[in-house]
PDB file of N, CA and C in Angstrom:
ATOM      1  N   MET A   1     -29.355 -22.106 -18.464  1.00  0.00           N
ATOM      2  CA  MET A   1     -28.647 -21.371 -17.446  1.00  0.00           C
ATOM      3  C   MET A   1     -29.329 -21.581 -16.096  1.00  0.00           C
ATOM      4  N   ARG A   2     -28.544 -21.871 -15.067  1.00  0.00           N
ATOM      5  CA  ARG A   2     -29.079 -22.106 -13.731  1.00  0.00           C
ATOM      6  C   ARG A   2     -29.015 -20.839 -12.899  1.00  0.00           C
ATOM      7  N   GLY A   3     -29.712 -20.874 -11.767  1.00  0.00           N
ATOM      8  CA  GLY A   3     -29.686 -19.733 -10.862  1.00  0.00           C
ATOM      9  C   GLY A   3     -30.858 -18.812 -11.113  1.00  0.00           C
ATOM     10  N   PRO A   4     -30.996 -17.813 -10.257  1.00  0.00           N
ATOM     11  CA  PRO A   4     -32.124 -16.891 -10.405  1.00  0.00           C
ATOM     12  C   PRO A   4     -31.983 -16.011 -11.635  1.00  0.00           C
ATOM     13  N   LYS A   5     -33.104 -15.566 -12.124  1.00  0.00           N
ATOM     14  CA  LYS A   5     -33.108 -14.652 -13.264  1.00  0.00           C
ATOM     15  C   LYS A   5     -32.490 -13.320 -12.843  1.00  0.00           C
ATOM     16  N   PRO A   6     -31.839 -12.629 -13.764  1.00  0.00           N
ATOM     17  CA  PRO A   6     -31.193 -11.353 -13.417  1.00  0.00           C
ATOM     18  C   PRO A   6     -32.138 -10.343 -12.784  1.00  0.00           C
ATOM     19  N   ASN A   7     -33.399 -10.280 -13.252  1.00  0.00           N
ATOM     20  CA  ASN A   7     -34.331  -9.309 -12.666  1.00  0.00           C
ATOM     21  C   ASN A   7     -34.676  -9.670 -11.223  1.00  0.00           C
ATOM     22  N   VAL A   8     -34.693 -10.959 -10.893  1.00  0.00           N
ATOM     23  CA  VAL A   8     -34.938 -11.397  -9.518  1.00  0.00           C
ATOM     24  C   VAL A   8     -33.755 -11.019  -8.644  1.00  0.00           C
ATOM     25  N   THR A   9     -32.555 -11.271  -9.132  1.00  0.00           N
ATOM     26  CA  THR A   9     -31.344 -10.927  -8.392  1.00  0.00           C
ATOM     27  C   THR A   9     -31.268  -9.422  -8.159  1.00  0.00           C
ATOM     28  N   GLY A  10     -31.585  -8.642  -9.169  1.00  0.00           N
ATOM     29  CA  GLY A  10     -31.554  -7.188  -9.043  1.00  0.00           C
ATOM     30  C   GLY A  10     -32.565  -6.676  -8.034  1.00  0.00           C
ATOM     31  N   PHE A  11     -33.764  -7.266  -8.034  1.00  0.00           N
ATOM     32  CA  PHE A  11     -34.784  -6.838  -7.078  1.00  0.00           C
ATOM     33  C   PHE A  11     -34.378  -7.205  -5.655  1.00  0.00           C
ATOM     34  N   ALA A  12     -33.811  -8.390  -5.476  1.00  0.00           N
ATOM     35  CA  ALA A  12     -33.333  -8.802  -4.149  1.00  0.00           C
ATOM     36  C   ALA A  12     -32.247  -7.851  -3.660  1.00  0.00           C
ATOM     37  N   ARG A  13     -31.357  -7.470  -4.541  1.00  0.00           N
ATOM     38  CA  ARG A  13     -30.294  -6.522  -4.179  1.00  0.00           C
ATOM     39  C   ARG A  13     -30.903  -5.182  -3.757  1.00  0.00           C
ATOM     40  N   HIS A  14     -31.900  -4.724  -4.501  1.00  0.00           N
ATOM     41  CA  HIS A  14     -32.588  -3.471  -4.156  1.00  0.00           C
ATOM     42  C   HIS A  14     -33.218  -3.565  -2.763  1.00  0.00           C
ATOM     43  N   LEU A  15     -33.859  -4.685  -2.453  1.00  0.00           N
ATOM     44  CA  LEU A  15     -34.482  -4.853  -1.142  1.00  0.00           C
ATOM     45  C   LEU A  15     -33.445  -4.844  -0.023  1.00  0.00           C
ATOM     46  N   ARG A  16     -32.297  -5.453  -0.269  1.00  0.00           N
ATOM     47  CA  ARG A  16     -31.244  -5.471   0.752  1.00  0.00           C
ATOM     48  C   ARG A  16     -30.709  -4.070   1.008  1.00  0.00           C
ATOM     49  N   ILE A  17     -30.556  -3.293  -0.048  1.00  0.00           N
ATOM     50  CA  ILE A  17     -30.029  -1.933   0.084  1.00  0.00           C
ATOM     51  C   ILE A  17     -31.035  -1.029   0.798  1.00  0.00           C
ATOM     52  N   SER A  18     -32.317  -1.221   0.532  1.00  0.00           N
ATOM     53  CA  SER A  18     -33.344  -0.327   1.079  1.00  0.00           C
ATOM     54  C   SER A  18     -34.039  -0.912   2.307  1.00  0.00           C
ATOM     55  N   GLN A  19     -33.323  -1.706   3.080  1.00  0.00           N
ATOM     56  CA  GLN A  19     -33.934  -2.325   4.257  1.00  0.00           C
ATOM     57  C   GLN A  19     -34.337  -1.282   5.299  1.00  0.00           C
ATOM     58  N   THR A  20     -35.311  -1.641   6.109  1.00  0.00           N
ATOM     59  CA  THR A  20     -35.772  -0.750   7.170  1.00  0.00           C
ATOM     60  C   THR A  20     -34.784  -0.779   8.334  1.00  0.00           C
ATOM     61  N   GLN A  21     -34.949   0.167   9.243  1.00  0.00           N
ATOM     62  CA  GLN A  21     -34.098   0.207  10.431  1.00  0.00           C
ATOM     63  C   GLN A  21     -34.261  -1.082  11.246  1.00  0.00           C
ATOM     64  N   ALA A  22     -35.488  -1.567  11.365  1.00  0.00           N
ATOM     65  CA  ALA A  22     -35.738  -2.800  12.117  1.00  0.00           C
ATOM     66  C   ALA A  22     -35.077  -3.999  11.437  1.00  0.00           C
ATOM     67  N   GLU A  23     -35.183  -4.081  10.108  1.00  0.00           N
ATOM     68  CA  GLU A  23     -34.533  -5.182   9.387  1.00  0.00           C
ATOM     69  C   GLU A  23     -33.026  -5.135   9.571  1.00  0.00           C
ATOM     70  N   ALA A  24     -32.447  -3.944   9.508  1.00  0.00           N
ATOM     71  CA  ALA A  24     -30.998  -3.803   9.686  1.00  0.00           C
ATOM     72  C   ALA A  24     -30.576  -4.234  11.088  1.00  0.00           C
ATOM     73  N   LYS A  25     -31.368  -3.869  12.081  1.00  0.00           N
ATOM     74  CA  LYS A  25     -31.037  -4.236  13.460  1.00  0.00           C
ATOM     75  C   LYS A  25     -31.095  -5.747  13.648  1.00  0.00           C
ATOM     76  N   LEU A  26     -32.136  -6.375  13.122  1.00  0.00           N
ATOM     77  CA  LEU A  26     -32.239  -7.829  13.251  1.00  0.00           C
ATOM     78  C   LEU A  26     -31.133  -8.523  12.465  1.00  0.00           C
ATOM     79  N   TRP A  27     -30.852  -8.051  11.258  1.00  0.00           N
ATOM     80  CA  TRP A  27     -29.799  -8.651  10.437  1.00  0.00           C
ATOM     81  C   TRP A  27     -28.456  -8.622  11.166  1.00  0.00           C
ATOM     82  N   SER A  28     -28.190  -7.533  11.880  1.00  0.00           N
ATOM     83  CA  SER A  28     -26.917  -7.432  12.601  1.00  0.00           C
ATOM     84  C   SER A  28     -26.812  -8.477  13.707  1.00  0.00           C
ATOM     85  N   ARG A  29     -27.951  -9.042  14.135  1.00  0.00           N
ATOM     86  CA  ARG A  29     -27.948 -10.035  15.206  1.00  0.00           C
ATOM     87  C   ARG A  29     -28.065 -11.470  14.713  1.00  0.00           C
ATOM     88  N   ILE A  30     -28.460 -11.676  13.453  1.00  0.00           N
ATOM     89  CA  ILE A  30     -28.616 -13.062  12.982  1.00  0.00           C
ATOM     90  C   ILE A  30     -27.638 -13.430  11.875  1.00  0.00           C
ATOM     91  N   ARG A  31     -26.926 -12.451  11.333  1.00  0.00           N
ATOM     92  CA  ARG A  31     -25.979 -12.746  10.252  1.00  0.00           C
ATOM     93  C   ARG A  31     -24.762 -13.470  10.814  1.00  0.00           C
ATOM     94  N   ALA A  32     -23.987 -14.059   9.943  1.00  0.00           N
ATOM     95  CA  ALA A  32     -22.719 -14.709  10.297  1.00  0.00           C
ATOM     96  C   ALA A  32     -22.901 -15.804  11.352  1.00  0.00           C
ATOM     97  N   ARG A  33     -24.000 -16.534  11.241  1.00  0.00           N
ATOM     98  CA  ARG A  33     -24.238 -17.713  12.092  1.00  0.00           C
ATOM     99  C   ARG A  33     -24.207 -17.412  13.590  1.00  0.00           C
ATOM    100  N   GLN A  34     -24.745 -16.269  13.982  1.00  0.00           N
ATOM    101  CA  GLN A  34     -24.717 -15.868  15.390  1.00  0.00           C
ATOM    102  C   GLN A  34     -25.725 -16.608  16.266  1.00  0.00           C
ATOM    103  N   ILE A  35     -26.747 -17.192  15.667  1.00  0.00           N
ATOM    104  CA  ILE A  35     -27.742 -17.918  16.460  1.00  0.00           C
ATOM    105  C   ILE A  35     -27.565 -19.409  16.212  1.00  0.00           C
ATOM    106  N   ASP A  36     -27.035 -20.087  17.201  1.00  0.00           N
ATOM    107  CA  ASP A  36     -26.889 -21.545  17.167  1.00  0.00           C
ATOM    108  C   ASP A  36     -26.155 -22.035  15.919  1.00  0.00           C
ATOM    109  N   GLY A  37     -25.283 -21.209  15.362  1.00  0.00           N
ATOM    110  CA  GLY A  37     -24.506 -21.599  14.189  1.00  0.00           C
ATOM    111  C   GLY A  37     -25.308 -21.707  12.904  1.00  0.00           C
ATOM    112  N   ARG A  38     -26.527 -21.186  12.898  1.00  0.00           N
ATOM    113  CA  ARG A  38     -27.406 -21.299  11.721  1.00  0.00           C
ATOM    114  C   ARG A  38     -27.188 -20.134  10.773  1.00  0.00           C
ATOM    115  N   LYS A  39     -27.192 -20.452   9.492  1.00  0.00           N
ATOM    116  CA  LYS A  39     -26.988 -19.429   8.469  1.00  0.00           C
ATOM    117  C   LYS A  39     -28.327 -18.868   8.001  1.00  0.00           C
ATOM    118  N   PHE A  40     -28.429 -17.552   8.054  1.00  0.00           N
ATOM    119  CA  PHE A  40     -29.583 -16.845   7.504  1.00  0.00           C
ATOM    120  C   PHE A  40     -29.143 -16.072   6.270  1.00  0.00           C
ATOM    121  N   VAL A  41     -30.041 -15.956   5.318  1.00  0.00           N
ATOM    122  CA  VAL A  41     -29.856 -15.084   4.161  1.00  0.00           C
ATOM    123  C   VAL A  41     -31.006 -14.088   4.188  1.00  0.00           C
ATOM    124  N   ARG A  42     -30.812 -12.945   3.528  1.00  0.00           N
ATOM    125  CA  ARG A  42     -31.852 -11.912   3.595  1.00  0.00           C
ATOM    126  C   ARG A  42     -32.367 -11.551   2.216  1.00  0.00           C
ATOM    127  N   GLN A  43     -33.630 -11.169   2.204  1.00  0.00           N
ATOM    128  CA  GLN A  43     -34.315 -10.728   0.987  1.00  0.00           C
ATOM    129  C   GLN A  43     -34.095 -11.710  -0.161  1.00  0.00           C
ATOM    130  N   VAL A  44     -34.556 -12.933   0.065  1.00  0.00           N
ATOM    131  CA  VAL A  44     -34.392 -13.978  -0.945  1.00  0.00           C
ATOM    132  C   VAL A  44     -35.764 -14.481  -1.394  1.00  0.00           C
ATOM    133  N   PRO A  45     -35.854 -14.904  -2.657  1.00  0.00           N
ATOM    134  CA  PRO A  45     -37.125 -15.444  -3.129  1.00  0.00           C
ATOM    135  C   PRO A  45     -37.351 -16.861  -2.616  1.00  0.00           C
ATOM    136  N   VAL A  46     -38.572 -17.101  -2.185  1.00  0.00           N
ATOM    137  CA  VAL A  46     -39.047 -18.450  -1.872  1.00  0.00           C
ATOM    138  C   VAL A  46     -40.331 -18.583  -2.672  1.00  0.00           C
ATOM    139  N   GLY A  47     -40.265 -19.341  -3.747  1.00  0.00           N
ATOM    140  CA  GLY A  47     -41.396 -19.389  -4.663  1.00  0.00           C
ATOM    141  C   GLY A  47     -41.620 -18.000  -5.234  1.00  0.00           C
ATOM    142  N   PRO A  48     -42.873 -17.538  -5.253  1.00  0.00           N
ATOM    143  CA  PRO A  48     -43.155 -16.218  -5.830  1.00  0.00           C
ATOM    144  C   PRO A  48     -42.951 -15.054  -4.852  1.00  0.00           C
ATOM    145  N   TYR A  49     -42.496 -15.334  -3.640  1.00  0.00           N
ATOM    146  CA  TYR A  49     -42.398 -14.305  -2.602  1.00  0.00           C
ATOM    147  C   TYR A  49     -40.950 -14.016  -2.221  1.00  0.00           C
ATOM    148  N   PHE A  50     -40.691 -12.767  -1.861  1.00  0.00           N
ATOM    149  CA  PHE A  50     -39.402 -12.401  -1.272  1.00  0.00           C
ATOM    150  C   PHE A  50     -39.585 -12.394   0.239  1.00  0.00           C
ATOM    151  N   CYS A  51     -38.704 -13.085   0.925  1.00  0.00           N
ATOM    152  CA  CYS A  51     -38.773 -13.170   2.385  1.00  0.00           C
ATOM    153  C   CYS A  51     -37.652 -12.337   2.988  1.00  0.00           C
ATOM    154  N   ASP A  52     -37.951 -11.697   4.126  1.00  0.00           N
ATOM    155  CA  ASP A  52     -36.951 -10.845   4.769  1.00  0.00           C
ATOM    156  C   ASP A  52     -35.707 -11.645   5.139  1.00  0.00           C
ATOM    157  N   PHE A  53     -35.888 -12.741   5.873  1.00  0.00           N
ATOM    158  CA  PHE A  53     -34.761 -13.574   6.307  1.00  0.00           C
ATOM    159  C   PHE A  53     -35.176 -15.039   6.229  1.00  0.00           C
ATOM    160  N   VAL A  54     -34.244 -15.884   5.779  1.00  0.00           N
ATOM    161  CA  VAL A  54     -34.532 -17.308   5.665  1.00  0.00           C
ATOM    162  C   VAL A  54     -33.338 -18.104   6.168  1.00  0.00           C
ATOM    163  N   CYS A  55     -33.628 -19.087   7.018  1.00  0.00           N
ATOM    164  CA  CYS A  55     -32.645 -20.105   7.377  1.00  0.00           C
ATOM    165  C   CYS A  55     -33.053 -21.340   6.584  1.00  0.00           C
ATOM    166  N   ARG A  56     -32.362 -21.577   5.489  1.00  0.00           N
ATOM    167  CA  ARG A  56     -32.767 -22.648   4.572  1.00  0.00           C
ATOM    168  C   ARG A  56     -32.652 -24.024   5.204  1.00  0.00           C
ATOM    169  N   GLU A  57     -31.589 -24.260   5.984  1.00  0.00           N
ATOM    170  CA  GLU A  57     -31.396 -25.597   6.549  1.00  0.00           C
ATOM    171  C   GLU A  57     -32.499 -25.963   7.535  1.00  0.00           C
ATOM    172  N   GLN A  58     -33.112 -24.977   8.175  1.00  0.00           N
ATOM    173  CA  GLN A  58     -34.209 -25.224   9.113  1.00  0.00           C
ATOM    174  C   GLN A  58     -35.574 -24.884   8.514  1.00  0.00           C
ATOM    175  N   LYS A  59     -35.577 -24.392   7.276  1.00  0.00           N
ATOM    176  CA  LYS A  59     -36.813 -23.966   6.607  1.00  0.00           C
ATOM    177  C   LYS A  59     -37.612 -23.014   7.498  1.00  0.00           C
ATOM    178  N   LEU A  60     -36.899 -21.998   7.984  1.00  0.00           N
ATOM    179  CA  LEU A  60     -37.500 -20.988   8.849  1.00  0.00           C
ATOM    180  C   LEU A  60     -37.434 -19.629   8.167  1.00  0.00           C
ATOM    181  N   VAL A  61     -38.586 -18.981   8.061  1.00  0.00           N
ATOM    182  CA  VAL A  61     -38.696 -17.635   7.497  1.00  0.00           C
ATOM    183  C   VAL A  61     -38.979 -16.672   8.645  1.00  0.00           C
ATOM    184  N   VAL A  62     -38.251 -15.557   8.671  1.00  0.00           N
ATOM    185  CA  VAL A  62     -38.476 -14.513   9.668  1.00  0.00           C
ATOM    186  C   VAL A  62     -38.843 -13.238   8.915  1.00  0.00           C
ATOM    187  N   GLU A  63     -40.017 -12.699   9.229  1.00  0.00           N
ATOM    188  CA  GLU A  63     -40.506 -11.482   8.597  1.00  0.00           C
ATOM    189  C   GLU A  63     -40.570 -10.360   9.627  1.00  0.00           C
ATOM    190  N   VAL A  64     -40.185  -9.163   9.217  1.00  0.00           N
ATOM    191  CA  VAL A  64     -40.275  -7.968  10.055  1.00  0.00           C
ATOM    192  C   VAL A  64     -41.284  -7.042   9.389  1.00  0.00           C
ATOM    193  N   ASP A  65     -42.377  -6.784  10.095  1.00  0.00           N
ATOM    194  CA  ASP A  65     -43.505  -6.073   9.503  1.00  0.00           C
ATOM    195  C   ASP A  65     -43.704  -4.690  10.102  1.00  0.00           C
ATOM    196  N   GLY A  66     -44.030  -3.745   9.239  1.00  0.00           N
ATOM    197  CA  GLY A  66     -44.439  -2.410   9.668  1.00  0.00           C
ATOM    198  C   GLY A  66     -45.949  -2.339   9.739  1.00  0.00           C
ATOM    199  N   GLY A  67     -46.475  -1.158   9.996  1.00  0.00           N
ATOM    200  CA  GLY A  67     -47.913  -0.961  10.149  1.00  0.00           C
ATOM    201  C   GLY A  67     -48.733  -1.331   8.928  1.00  0.00           C
ATOM    202  N   GLN A  68     -48.123  -1.295   7.740  1.00  0.00           N
ATOM    203  CA  GLN A  68     -48.867  -1.614   6.521  1.00  0.00           C
ATOM    204  C   GLN A  68     -49.283  -3.080   6.478  1.00  0.00           C
ATOM    205  N   HIS A  69     -48.732  -3.902   7.366  1.00  0.00           N
ATOM    206  CA  HIS A  69     -49.050  -5.329   7.359  1.00  0.00           C
ATOM    207  C   HIS A  69     -50.162  -5.698   8.334  1.00  0.00           C
ATOM    208  N   ALA A  70     -50.704  -4.735   9.047  1.00  0.00           N
ATOM    209  CA  ALA A  70     -51.732  -5.033  10.044  1.00  0.00           C
ATOM    210  C   ALA A  70     -52.903  -5.760   9.396  1.00  0.00           C
ATOM    211  N   ASP A  71     -53.111  -6.993   9.803  1.00  0.00           N
ATOM    212  CA  ASP A  71     -54.221  -7.816   9.323  1.00  0.00           C
ATOM    213  C   ASP A  71     -54.254  -7.896   7.795  1.00  0.00           C
ATOM    214  N   SER A  72     -53.116  -8.078   7.203  1.00  0.00           N
ATOM    215  CA  SER A  72     -53.012  -8.102   5.747  1.00  0.00           C
ATOM    216  C   SER A  72     -53.410  -9.462   5.176  1.00  0.00           C
ATOM    217  N   GLN A  73     -54.386  -9.455   4.288  1.00  0.00           N
ATOM    218  CA  GLN A  73     -54.807 -10.679   3.610  1.00  0.00           C
ATOM    219  C   GLN A  73     -53.647 -11.271   2.819  1.00  0.00           C
ATOM    220  N   GLY A  74     -52.831 -10.397   2.225  1.00  0.00           N
ATOM    221  CA  GLY A  74     -51.677 -10.872   1.464  1.00  0.00           C
ATOM    222  C   GLY A  74     -50.698 -11.648   2.319  1.00  0.00           C
ATOM    223  N   ASP A  75     -50.506 -11.210   3.560  1.00  0.00           N
ATOM    224  CA  ASP A  75     -49.608 -11.933   4.463  1.00  0.00           C
ATOM    225  C   ASP A  75     -50.157 -13.314   4.794  1.00  0.00           C
ATOM    226  N   HIS A  76     -51.472 -13.426   4.958  1.00  0.00           N
ATOM    227  CA  HIS A  76     -52.082 -14.727   5.246  1.00  0.00           C
ATOM    228  C   HIS A  76     -51.883 -15.683   4.070  1.00  0.00           C
ATOM    229  N   ILE A  77     -52.057 -15.196   2.866  1.00  0.00           N
ATOM    230  CA  ILE A  77     -51.865 -16.024   1.670  1.00  0.00           C
ATOM    231  C   ILE A  77     -50.406 -16.448   1.563  1.00  0.00           C
ATOM    232  N   ARG A  78     -49.523 -15.519   1.778  1.00  0.00           N
ATOM    233  CA  ARG A  78     -48.083 -15.785   1.720  1.00  0.00           C
ATOM    234  C   ARG A  78     -47.677 -16.818   2.768  1.00  0.00           C
ATOM    235  N   ASP A  79     -48.147 -16.632   4.012  1.00  0.00           N
ATOM    236  CA  ASP A  79     -47.816 -17.574   5.081  1.00  0.00           C
ATOM    237  C   ASP A  79     -48.344 -18.967   4.766  1.00  0.00           C
ATOM    238  N   ARG A  80     -49.533 -19.039   4.210  1.00  0.00           N
ATOM    239  CA  ARG A  80     -50.104 -20.338   3.846  1.00  0.00           C
ATOM    240  C   ARG A  80     -49.246 -21.011   2.773  1.00  0.00           C
ATOM    241  N   TYR A  81     -48.822 -20.253   1.767  1.00  0.00           N
ATOM    242  CA  TYR A  81     -47.950 -20.799   0.725  1.00  0.00           C
ATOM    243  C   TYR A  81     -46.657 -21.341   1.343  1.00  0.00           C
ATOM    244  N   LEU A  82     -46.025 -20.537   2.196  1.00  0.00           N
ATOM    245  CA  LEU A  82     -44.761 -20.950   2.806  1.00  0.00           C
ATOM    246  C   LEU A  82     -44.946 -22.193   3.666  1.00  0.00           C
ATOM    247  N   THR A  83     -46.013 -22.215   4.458  1.00  0.00           N
ATOM    248  CA  THR A  83     -46.285 -23.364   5.320  1.00  0.00           C
ATOM    249  C   THR A  83     -46.546 -24.618   4.493  1.00  0.00           C
ATOM    250  N   MET A  84     -47.305 -24.479   3.426  1.00  0.00           N
ATOM    251  CA  MET A  84     -47.591 -25.631   2.563  1.00  0.00           C
ATOM    252  C   MET A  84     -46.330 -26.161   1.895  1.00  0.00           C
ATOM    253  N   ASN A  85     -45.302 -25.333   1.817  1.00  0.00           N
ATOM    254  CA  ASN A  85     -44.038 -25.755   1.222  1.00  0.00           C
ATOM    255  C   ASN A  85     -42.987 -26.083   2.283  1.00  0.00           C
ATOM    256  N   GLY A  86     -43.448 -26.338   3.495  1.00  0.00           N
ATOM    257  CA  GLY A  86     -42.578 -26.849   4.541  1.00  0.00           C
ATOM    258  C   GLY A  86     -41.851 -25.823   5.384  1.00  0.00           C
ATOM    259  N   TYR A  87     -42.160 -24.542   5.206  1.00  0.00           N
ATOM    260  CA  TYR A  87     -41.490 -23.496   5.981  1.00  0.00           C
ATOM    261  C   TYR A  87     -42.298 -23.163   7.231  1.00  0.00           C
ATOM    262  N   ARG A  88     -41.588 -22.797   8.275  1.00  0.00           N
ATOM    263  CA  ARG A  88     -42.195 -22.196   9.461  1.00  0.00           C
ATOM    264  C   ARG A  88     -41.987 -20.696   9.324  1.00  0.00           C
ATOM    265  N   VAL A  89     -42.959 -19.924   9.760  1.00  0.00           N
ATOM    266  CA  VAL A  89     -42.894 -18.469   9.591  1.00  0.00           C
ATOM    267  C   VAL A  89     -43.028 -17.790  10.954  1.00  0.00           C
ATOM    268  N   LEU A  90     -42.068 -16.925  11.252  1.00  0.00           N
ATOM    269  CA  LEU A  90     -42.145 -16.060  12.428  1.00  0.00           C
ATOM    270  C   LEU A  90     -42.312 -14.633  11.937  1.00  0.00           C
ATOM    271  N   ARG A  91     -43.240 -13.906  12.550  1.00  0.00           N
ATOM    272  CA  ARG A  91     -43.457 -12.501  12.197  1.00  0.00           C
ATOM    273  C   ARG A  91     -43.266 -11.637  13.433  1.00  0.00           C
ATOM    274  N   PHE A  92     -42.547 -10.546  13.249  1.00  0.00           N
ATOM    275  CA  PHE A  92     -42.321  -9.581  14.322  1.00  0.00           C
ATOM    276  C   PHE A  92     -42.659  -8.195  13.803  1.00  0.00           C
ATOM    277  N   TRP A  93     -43.219  -7.364  14.675  1.00  0.00           N
ATOM    278  CA  TRP A  93     -43.469  -5.974  14.326  1.00  0.00           C
ATOM    279  C   TRP A  93     -42.163  -5.195  14.411  1.00  0.00           C
ATOM    280  N   ASN A  94     -42.047  -4.159  13.590  1.00  0.00           N
ATOM    281  CA  ASN A  94     -40.872  -3.283  13.634  1.00  0.00           C
ATOM    282  C   ASN A  94     -40.578  -2.821  15.058  1.00  0.00           C
ATOM    283  N   ASN A  95     -41.624  -2.366  15.768  1.00  0.00           N
ATOM    284  CA  ASN A  95     -41.387  -1.831  17.109  1.00  0.00           C
ATOM    285  C   ASN A  95     -40.903  -2.894  18.088  1.00  0.00           C
ATOM    286  N   ASP A  96     -41.265  -4.163  17.880  1.00  0.00           N
ATOM    287  CA  ASP A  96     -40.736  -5.241  18.722  1.00  0.00           C
ATOM    288  C   ASP A  96     -39.244  -5.423  18.485  1.00  0.00           C
ATOM    289  N   VAL A  97     -38.844  -5.406  17.220  1.00  0.00           N
ATOM    290  CA  VAL A  97     -37.422  -5.558  16.888  1.00  0.00           C
ATOM    291  C   VAL A  97     -36.629  -4.375  17.433  1.00  0.00           C
ATOM    292  N   LEU A  98     -37.139  -3.175  17.237  1.00  0.00           N
ATOM    293  CA  LEU A  98     -36.416  -1.983  17.674  1.00  0.00           C
ATOM    294  C   LEU A  98     -36.383  -1.845  19.193  1.00  0.00           C
ATOM    295  N   GLY A  99     -37.441  -2.275  19.873  1.00  0.00           N
ATOM    296  CA  GLY A  99     -37.528  -2.082  21.312  1.00  0.00           C
ATOM    297  C   GLY A  99     -37.144  -3.272  22.161  1.00  0.00           C
ATOM    298  N   ASN A 100     -37.093  -4.463  21.553  1.00  0.00           N
ATOM    299  CA  ASN A 100     -36.812  -5.671  22.330  1.00  0.00           C
ATOM    300  C   ASN A 100     -36.060  -6.688  21.482  1.00  0.00           C
ATOM    301  N   ILE A 101     -34.925  -6.302  20.953  1.00  0.00           N
ATOM    302  CA  ILE A 101     -34.172  -7.188  20.063  1.00  0.00           C
ATOM    303  C   ILE A 101     -33.771  -8.483  20.765  1.00  0.00           C
ATOM    304  N   GLU A 102     -33.452  -8.414  22.055  1.00  0.00           N
ATOM    305  CA  GLU A 102     -33.060  -9.632  22.779  1.00  0.00           C
ATOM    306  C   GLU A 102     -34.217 -10.627  22.830  1.00  0.00           C
ATOM    307  N   GLY A 103     -35.426 -10.131  23.050  1.00  0.00           N
ATOM    308  CA  GLY A 103     -36.592 -11.002  23.061  1.00  0.00           C
ATOM    309  C   GLY A 103     -36.856 -11.623  21.701  1.00  0.00           C
ATOM    310  N   VAL A 104     -36.704 -10.840  20.651  1.00  0.00           N
ATOM    311  CA  VAL A 104     -36.900 -11.341  19.286  1.00  0.00           C
ATOM    312  C   VAL A 104     -35.875 -12.429  18.974  1.00  0.00           C
ATOM    313  N   VAL A 105     -34.617 -12.172  19.284  1.00  0.00           N
ATOM    314  CA  VAL A 105     -33.559 -13.160  19.031  1.00  0.00           C
ATOM    315  C   VAL A 105     -33.818 -14.423  19.844  1.00  0.00           C
ATOM    316  N   SER A 106     -34.314 -14.272  21.056  1.00  0.00           N
ATOM    317  CA  SER A 106     -34.627 -15.421  21.901  1.00  0.00           C
ATOM    318  C   SER A 106     -35.725 -16.288  21.283  1.00  0.00           C
ATOM    319  N   VAL A 107     -36.751 -15.660  20.730  1.00  0.00           N
ATOM    320  CA  VAL A 107     -37.834 -16.404  20.073  1.00  0.00           C
ATOM    321  C   VAL A 107     -37.296 -17.147  18.847  1.00  0.00           C
ATOM    322  N   ILE A 108     -36.467 -16.495  18.060  1.00  0.00           N
ATOM    323  CA  ILE A 108     -35.881 -17.141  16.878  1.00  0.00           C
ATOM    324  C   ILE A 108     -35.024 -18.324  17.310  1.00  0.00           C
ATOM    325  N   HIS A 109     -34.201 -18.134  18.331  1.00  0.00           N
ATOM    326  CA  HIS A 109     -33.347 -19.215  18.830  1.00  0.00           C
ATOM    327  C   HIS A 109     -34.187 -20.404  19.293  1.00  0.00           C
ATOM    328  N   ALA A 110     -35.247 -20.131  20.044  1.00  0.00           N
ATOM    329  CA  ALA A 110     -36.119 -21.205  20.523  1.00  0.00           C
ATOM    330  C   ALA A 110     -36.743 -21.969  19.361  1.00  0.00           C
ATOM    331  N   GLU A 111     -37.128 -21.270  18.314  1.00  0.00           N
ATOM    332  CA  GLU A 111     -37.716 -21.928  17.138  1.00  0.00           C
ATOM    333  C   GLU A 111     -36.681 -22.785  16.422  1.00  0.00           C
ATOM    334  N   LEU A 112     -35.449 -22.327  16.372  1.00  0.00           N
ATOM    335  CA  LEU A 112     -34.391 -23.079  15.693  1.00  0.00           C
ATOM    336  C   LEU A 112     -34.036 -24.368  16.421  1.00  0.00           C
ATOM    337  N   ILE A 113     -34.027 -24.323  17.741  1.00  0.00           N
ATOM    338  CA  ILE A 113     -33.637 -25.525  18.481  1.00  0.00           C
ATOM    339  C   ILE A 113     -34.826 -26.431  18.763  1.00  0.00           C
ATOM    340  N   GLY A 114     -36.021 -25.926  18.449  1.00  0.00           N
ATOM    341  CA  GLY A 114     -37.248 -26.687  18.468  1.00  0.00           C
ATOM    342  C   GLY A 114     -37.622 -27.298  19.761  1.00  0.00           C
TER     343      GLY A 114
END
């Protein structure tokens, strides 16, 4: 059988339902190919990690972090894994997304057009 395991699909669905306010705000601005016609998906597995948002065609991961991520060793390991597998990773703090969504979208757009 192909495709993700049912427990992976269920966990991804749970993450999408329980998204933070910042994740919801960013999703409303990047869904439906709103940035340069690029498709993003949310809360999807990349290897052993679930990523907040991924543009697969550009191999770009966008993470929205709360205070629990401040200087997190786990985030460094995760970013290294993603980078070693060809992904670029952008990280934004919740307060940046909530307070400056236009700036966040601008940074994502600049990364997409390279």
